[in-house]
Amino acid sequence: MENDGELQAMKKLETEWNDYKTTLGKSYDPSENSLRMAIFESNELVTEKINREFEQGLVTFKTSLNDLADLTEDEFIVRNGLRLPNSTDFNQRRKSRQTSGGYYQYNRNEPLPVSVDWRENGFVTPVKNQGECGSCYAFATSAALESYVKMRTGQLIDLSPQNIVDCTWELGNNGCSGGYMPRAFEYARNYGVARELNYPYIESEQRCKWNNRIALARDNGYGQVEPGDELGLKHAVAKRGPVVVGIAASSRAFRFYQSGVFVSNSCGQPDHAVLVVGYGTHPSYGDYWIVKNSWGTGWGAGGYVYMARNRRNMCHIATTASFPI
């Protein structure tokens, strides 16, 4: 009977695995298929456990298997391209903060809207997919600049993450091996960022193709929220628009997030750049941030994640927050 049970479980797994591959258009050689199926099974067990906890009221979010479910850890981590500056680089850039907006100043007693969502009235472009390139910093920064341009010109234009990937090496970024968002804002101030139409994304590095004729979006530098200050982040989102942040995104719970308010007590270090486009409060799950990711619309809630707010800077969401000025 035990063998019958194991056989049925294997058949169930193979059916689910084949359905998964068919749905996402994936195929593997026989030699690789068993490895990928084992990864899929491991991730399936994680999502099933979290979803049982959701049904029991123990967690406030659900998960589902997405196109990341058969990737090795190394393949997944490639997508998390936030590279924080080392201490020497950070100290050298302190003066830059003074000329680029500095830490965001605000009145702690000023009343703010109960909720904000910059997607309303067309201030945020559709969710994009960075693919197998650690370019999250470029996608998050270009997304912030898109909203910045909309606020100043009334036009919502898709800007080029590829321009940032290719052309910010001299500022310390590393193409598809990651980068830091303020360096991209510095680049936009000095040179401008092209339209996506004129500088399309290719999911890899290439020689910088910038020229003055295609430069479009320029900022006047960037402002930064005091590290860890969630109230400051709330003010910045309400008053200045979408804000780029770095979060810890390596957990499998985050990787397979589907809906609800994401909460984690074991986030790790910030390794992924995303865009906060709003905030609000769920009647049952509490305060949240509305976060735009760059893993395509098949991830999360249409490409977004609602992350817990006012939970002691959960997953470092307010640690490296910056915005164009």
Protein backbone atom coordinates (compact mmCIF):
# COMPACT_ATOMS: atom_id res chain seq x y z
CA MET A 1 0.00 0.00 0.00
CA GLU A 2 2.88 2.32 0.80
CA ASN A 3 4.35 1.71 -2.62
CA ASP A 4 0.97 2.39 -4.20
CA GLY A 5 0.83 5.70 -2.38
CA GLU A 6 4.30 6.65 -3.53
CA LEU A 7 3.42 5.70 -7.09
CA GLN A 8 0.30 7.84 -7.03
CA ALA A 9 2.24 10.75 -5.58
CA MET A 10 4.84 10.44 -8.34
CA LYS A 11 2.15 10.33 -11.02
CA LYS A 12 0.51 13.41 -9.51
CA LEU A 13 3.84 15.25 -9.48
CA GLU A 14 4.61 14.29 -13.09
CA THR A 15 1.16 15.48 -14.19
CA GLU A 16 1.57 18.81 -12.41
CA TRP A 17 5.10 19.20 -13.77
CA ASN A 18 4.00 18.48 -17.35
CA ASP A 19 1.06 20.88 -17.00
CA TYR A 20 3.44 23.54 -15.69
CA LYS A 21 5.81 23.12 -18.63
CA THR A 22 2.95 23.18 -21.12
CA THR A 23 1.42 26.30 -19.62
CA LEU A 24 4.71 28.21 -19.65
CA GLY A 25 6.09 26.74 -22.87
CA LYS A 26 9.10 25.14 -21.21
CA SER A 27 10.87 21.98 -22.34
CA TYR A 28 13.98 20.13 -21.17
CA ASP A 29 16.18 17.30 -22.36
CA PRO A 30 15.61 14.06 -20.42
CA SER A 31 18.95 14.48 -18.66
CA GLU A 32 17.87 17.87 -17.26
CA ASN A 33 14.18 17.21 -16.82
CA SER A 34 14.53 15.23 -13.58
CA LEU A 35 16.60 18.00 -11.96
CA ARG A 36 14.08 20.64 -12.94
CA MET A 37 11.18 18.51 -11.71
CA ALA A 38 12.92 18.05 -8.36
CA ILE A 39 13.32 21.82 -8.01
CA PHE A 40 9.67 22.26 -8.97
CA GLU A 41 8.61 19.70 -6.35
CA SER A 42 10.63 21.42 -3.62
CA ASN A 43 9.06 24.77 -4.45
CA GLU A 44 5.60 23.22 -4.64
CA LEU A 45 5.96 21.94 -1.09
CA VAL A 46 6.90 25.45 0.09
CA THR A 47 3.92 27.10 -1.60
CA GLU A 48 1.51 24.45 -0.36
CA LYS A 49 2.72 24.97 3.22
CA ILE A 50 2.31 28.74 3.01
CA ASN A 51 -1.15 28.42 1.48
CA ARG A 52 -2.24 26.04 4.24
CA GLU A 53 -1.06 28.62 6.76
CA PHE A 54 -3.04 31.28 4.92
CA GLU A 55 -6.21 29.18 5.13
CA GLN A 56 -5.55 28.75 8.85
CA GLY A 57 -5.17 32.50 9.31
CA LEU A 58 -1.50 32.22 10.23
CA VAL A 59 -0.16 34.34 7.37
CA THR A 60 -1.63 37.19 5.33
CA PHE A 61 -0.57 36.23 1.82
CA LYS A 62 -0.90 33.41 -0.68
CA THR A 63 1.66 31.94 -3.06
CA SER A 64 1.59 30.22 -6.44
CA LEU A 65 4.12 28.54 -8.69
CA ASN A 66 5.24 30.94 -11.43
CA ASP A 67 7.90 30.88 -14.14
CA LEU A 68 10.61 30.95 -11.44
CA ALA A 69 9.55 27.60 -9.96
CA ASP A 70 12.05 25.44 -11.86
CA LEU A 71 15.11 27.67 -11.53
CA THR A 72 18.20 26.81 -9.52
CA GLU A 73 19.16 29.22 -6.75
CA ASP A 74 22.00 30.62 -8.88
CA GLU A 75 19.64 31.21 -11.81
CA PHE A 76 17.19 33.04 -9.59
CA ILE A 77 19.72 35.15 -7.71
CA VAL A 78 20.97 36.58 -11.03
CA ARG A 79 17.74 38.60 -11.19
CA ASN A 80 18.41 40.28 -7.85
CA GLY A 81 20.81 42.94 -9.04
CA LEU A 82 20.88 45.48 -6.23
CA ARG A 83 24.53 46.13 -5.37
CA LEU A 84 24.91 48.47 -2.41
CA PRO A 85 28.02 50.66 -2.42
CA ASN A 86 30.88 49.71 -0.13
CA SER A 87 31.64 51.95 2.82
CA THR A 88 34.39 53.88 1.01
CA ASP A 89 32.15 54.58 -1.97
CA PHE A 90 29.31 55.53 0.38
CA ASN A 91 31.45 58.05 2.27
CA GLN A 92 32.68 59.58 -0.98
CA ARG A 93 29.09 60.15 -2.02
CA ARG A 94 27.91 61.93 1.11
CA LYS A 95 28.64 65.31 -0.47
CA SER A 96 26.68 64.17 -3.50
CA ARG A 97 23.61 63.87 -1.31
CA GLN A 98 23.87 67.53 -0.44
CA THR A 99 23.72 68.53 -4.10
CA SER A 100 21.24 65.82 -5.04
CA GLY A 101 18.48 66.57 -2.58
CA GLY A 102 20.03 65.12 0.57
CA TYR A 103 17.90 63.24 3.05
CA TYR A 104 14.26 64.02 2.54
CA GLN A 105 12.98 66.70 4.91
CA TYR A 106 9.34 66.65 5.99
CA ASN A 107 6.95 67.70 8.74
CA ARG A 108 6.22 64.65 10.87
CA ASN A 109 2.92 66.20 11.99
CA GLU A 110 1.65 66.99 8.50
CA PRO A 111 -1.52 65.02 7.68
CA LEU A 112 -1.20 62.71 4.69
CA PRO A 113 -3.78 60.89 2.57
CA VAL A 114 -4.95 57.63 4.11
CA SER A 115 -3.99 55.89 0.88
CA VAL A 116 -2.06 56.75 -2.29
CA ASP A 117 -1.87 54.86 -5.58
CA TRP A 118 0.05 56.55 -8.39
CA ARG A 119 -1.26 53.98 -10.86
CA GLU A 120 -4.53 55.85 -10.73
CA ASN A 121 -4.80 58.58 -13.37
CA GLY A 122 -1.98 57.05 -15.41
CA PHE A 123 1.24 57.90 -13.60
CA VAL A 124 2.81 54.44 -13.82
CA THR A 125 3.74 52.47 -16.95
CA PRO A 126 2.87 48.76 -17.34
CA VAL A 127 4.92 46.13 -15.52
CA LYS A 128 7.98 44.94 -17.45
CA ASN A 129 10.19 41.86 -17.26
CA GLN A 130 13.95 42.15 -16.73
CA GLY A 131 14.49 38.48 -17.58
CA GLU A 132 17.83 36.80 -16.91
CA CYS A 133 19.80 39.98 -16.29
CA GLY A 134 20.49 41.59 -12.93
CA SER A 135 19.06 44.89 -14.14
CA CYS A 136 16.41 45.49 -11.47
CA TYR A 137 18.16 48.75 -10.50
CA ALA A 138 17.76 50.01 -14.08
CA PHE A 139 14.09 49.00 -14.30
CA ALA A 140 13.22 50.55 -10.94
CA THR A 141 15.05 53.79 -11.72
CA SER A 142 13.61 54.15 -15.22
CA ALA A 143 10.13 53.47 -13.79
CA ALA A 144 10.59 56.27 -11.25
CA LEU A 145 11.77 58.60 -14.02
CA GLU A 146 8.71 57.68 -16.11
CA SER A 147 6.43 58.94 -13.34
CA TYR A 148 8.68 61.98 -12.84
CA VAL A 149 8.33 62.90 -16.53
CA LYS A 150 4.56 62.37 -16.41
CA MET A 151 4.22 64.76 -13.47
CA ARG A 152 6.18 67.46 -15.27
CA THR A 153 5.02 67.08 -18.86
CA GLY A 154 1.72 65.22 -18.69
CA GLN A 155 3.19 62.47 -20.91
CA LEU A 156 3.65 58.88 -19.77
CA ILE A 157 6.56 57.49 -21.78
CA ASP A 158 8.36 54.15 -21.48
CA LEU A 159 12.02 54.85 -20.78
CA SER A 160 15.00 52.63 -21.48
CA PRO A 161 16.42 50.38 -18.74
CA GLN A 162 18.95 49.21 -21.35
CA ASN A 163 20.34 52.74 -21.57
CA ILE A 164 21.06 52.60 -17.83
CA VAL A 165 22.47 49.06 -17.99
CA ASP A 166 24.89 49.96 -20.79
CA CYS A 167 25.93 53.45 -19.79
CA THR A 168 26.40 53.66 -16.01
CA TRP A 169 29.58 51.60 -15.70
CA GLU A 170 31.73 54.69 -15.09
CA LEU A 171 29.50 55.57 -12.14
CA GLY A 172 30.14 52.18 -10.56
CA ASN A 173 27.31 50.00 -11.85
CA ASN A 174 27.97 46.59 -13.40
CA GLY A 175 25.49 46.04 -16.22
CA CYS A 176 23.67 42.72 -15.85
CA SER A 177 25.70 41.97 -12.72
CA GLY A 178 23.86 44.64 -10.78
CA GLY A 179 23.97 48.26 -9.75
CA TYR A 180 22.81 50.98 -7.38
CA MET A 181 19.85 53.25 -8.10
CA PRO A 182 21.30 56.68 -7.12
CA ARG A 183 24.05 56.17 -9.71
CA ALA A 184 21.36 55.84 -12.35
CA PHE A 185 19.75 59.07 -11.14
CA GLU A 186 23.16 60.75 -11.42
CA TYR A 187 23.42 59.47 -14.97
CA ALA A 188 19.97 60.85 -15.81
CA ARG A 189 20.98 64.24 -14.47
CA ASN A 190 24.18 64.33 -16.52
CA TYR A 191 23.04 62.75 -19.78
CA GLY A 192 19.33 61.98 -19.79
CA VAL A 193 17.68 58.61 -20.42
CA ALA A 194 16.34 57.55 -23.82
CA ARG A 195 12.90 56.25 -24.70
CA GLU A 196 12.52 52.49 -24.72
CA LEU A 197 11.49 52.83 -28.37
CA ASN A 198 14.88 54.34 -29.25
CA TYR A 199 16.99 52.12 -27.00
CA PRO A 200 15.19 48.75 -26.63
CA TYR A 201 15.90 46.19 -23.94
CA ILE A 202 17.93 43.13 -24.99
CA GLU A 203 18.34 41.33 -21.62
CA SER A 204 22.15 41.52 -21.79
CA GLU A 205 24.99 44.06 -21.84
CA GLN A 206 26.27 45.94 -24.86
CA ARG A 207 28.37 48.98 -25.67
CA CYS A 208 26.76 52.24 -24.57
CA LYS A 209 24.83 53.74 -27.48
CA TRP A 210 23.89 57.04 -25.88
CA ASN A 211 23.74 60.15 -28.00
CA ASN A 212 22.23 63.55 -27.40
CA ARG A 213 19.52 63.07 -30.03
CA ILE A 214 17.81 60.25 -28.14
CA ALA A 215 18.29 61.56 -24.58
CA LEU A 216 14.88 62.40 -23.16
CA ALA A 217 14.39 62.18 -19.40
CA ARG A 218 16.64 64.31 -17.24
CA ASP A 219 16.35 64.88 -13.52
CA ASN A 220 18.03 67.39 -11.23
CA GLY A 221 19.60 64.72 -9.10
CA TYR A 222 17.94 62.64 -6.43
CA GLY A 223 16.65 62.78 -2.88
CA GLN A 224 17.02 60.05 -0.30
CA VAL A 225 14.89 59.03 2.63
CA GLU A 226 16.72 58.65 5.94
CA PRO A 227 17.59 54.93 6.11
CA GLY A 228 14.88 52.96 7.88
CA ASP A 229 12.40 55.86 8.11
CA GLU A 230 9.07 54.45 6.94
CA LEU A 231 7.20 57.66 7.79
CA GLY A 232 9.68 59.54 5.61
CA LEU A 233 9.07 57.05 2.82
CA LYS A 234 5.31 57.54 3.20
CA HIS A 235 5.73 61.32 2.95
CA ALA A 236 7.97 61.00 -0.10
CA VAL A 237 5.51 58.70 -1.88
CA ALA A 238 2.58 61.00 -1.08
CA LYS A 239 4.34 64.26 -1.93
CA ARG A 240 7.02 63.44 -4.51
CA GLY A 241 5.68 60.40 -6.34
CA PRO A 242 6.90 56.81 -6.76
CA VAL A 243 10.10 56.01 -4.86
CA VAL A 244 12.80 53.47 -5.71
CA VAL A 245 13.68 51.12 -2.86
CA GLY A 246 15.92 48.13 -2.24
CA ILE A 247 14.36 45.09 -0.59
CA ALA A 248 15.35 41.60 0.48
CA ALA A 249 13.75 39.39 -2.16
CA SER A 250 15.57 36.06 -2.03
CA SER A 251 13.11 34.09 0.09
CA ARG A 252 10.93 31.53 -1.61
CA ALA A 253 7.91 33.09 0.08
CA PHE A 254 8.60 36.33 -1.82
CA ARG A 255 9.58 34.52 -5.00
CA PHE A 256 6.18 32.84 -5.22
CA TYR A 257 4.02 35.60 -3.74
CA GLN A 258 0.60 35.81 -5.38
CA SER A 259 -1.78 37.95 -3.33
CA GLY A 260 -2.46 39.45 0.08
CA VAL A 261 -0.05 41.44 2.24
CA PHE A 262 3.45 39.97 2.28
CA VAL A 263 4.98 39.65 5.74
CA SER A 264 8.32 38.09 6.61
CA ASN A 265 10.40 37.94 9.77
CA SER A 266 13.46 36.50 8.02
CA CYS A 267 14.16 38.67 5.01
CA GLY A 268 17.95 38.77 4.83
CA GLN A 269 19.85 41.66 3.26
CA PRO A 270 18.51 43.97 0.53
CA ASP A 271 19.32 42.54 -2.88
CA HIS A 272 16.59 43.67 -5.27
CA ALA A 273 15.43 47.08 -6.54
CA VAL A 274 11.72 47.84 -6.93
CA LEU A 275 9.40 50.86 -7.05
CA VAL A 276 6.95 51.91 -4.33
CA VAL A 277 3.95 53.43 -6.15
CA GLY A 278 1.61 53.85 -3.20
CA TYR A 279 0.41 52.71 0.19
CA GLY A 280 -2.79 51.80 1.99
CA THR A 281 -4.38 49.70 4.70
CA HIS A 282 -6.12 46.34 4.33
CA PRO A 283 -9.09 45.90 6.71
CA SER A 284 -7.81 42.51 7.87
CA TYR A 285 -4.10 42.44 7.05
CA GLY A 286 -3.01 45.93 8.08
CA ASP A 287 -0.84 48.62 6.49
CA TYR A 288 0.95 47.93 3.21
CA TRP A 289 3.12 49.39 0.49
CA ILE A 290 2.17 48.98 -3.18
CA VAL A 291 5.34 47.76 -4.89
CA LYS A 292 5.98 47.44 -8.63
CA ASN A 293 8.35 44.61 -9.51
CA SER A 294 10.13 43.86 -12.80
CA TRP A 295 9.52 40.11 -13.09
CA GLY A 296 6.62 40.37 -15.54
CA THR A 297 2.86 40.35 -15.00
CA GLY A 298 2.84 36.60 -14.35
CA TRP A 299 4.54 37.21 -11.02
CA GLY A 300 2.63 38.31 -7.92
CA ALA A 301 -0.54 40.35 -8.22
CA GLY A 302 -0.16 41.29 -11.88
CA GLY A 303 3.49 42.12 -11.32
CA TYR A 304 2.93 43.90 -7.99
CA VAL A 305 3.39 42.93 -4.36
CA TYR A 306 1.66 44.44 -1.35
CA MET A 307 4.33 44.52 1.35
CA ALA A 308 3.67 45.07 5.04
CA ARG A 309 4.15 48.68 6.16
CA ASN A 310 5.08 49.90 9.63
CA ARG A 311 6.62 46.56 10.53
CA ARG A 312 10.03 47.85 11.61
CA ASN A 313 11.24 48.48 8.09
CA MET A 314 10.37 44.93 7.01
CA CYS A 315 12.69 43.54 4.34
CA HIS A 316 14.61 46.87 4.42
CA ILE A 317 11.98 48.64 2.34
CA ALA A 318 12.97 52.08 3.66
CA THR A 319 16.72 51.47 3.95
CA THR A 320 17.79 52.66 0.47
CA ALA A 321 14.83 54.74 -0.72
CA SER A 322 15.53 57.39 -3.36
CA PHE A 323 13.62 59.45 -5.91
CA PRO A 324 14.35 61.91 -8.75
CA ILE A 325 14.11 65.63 -8.08
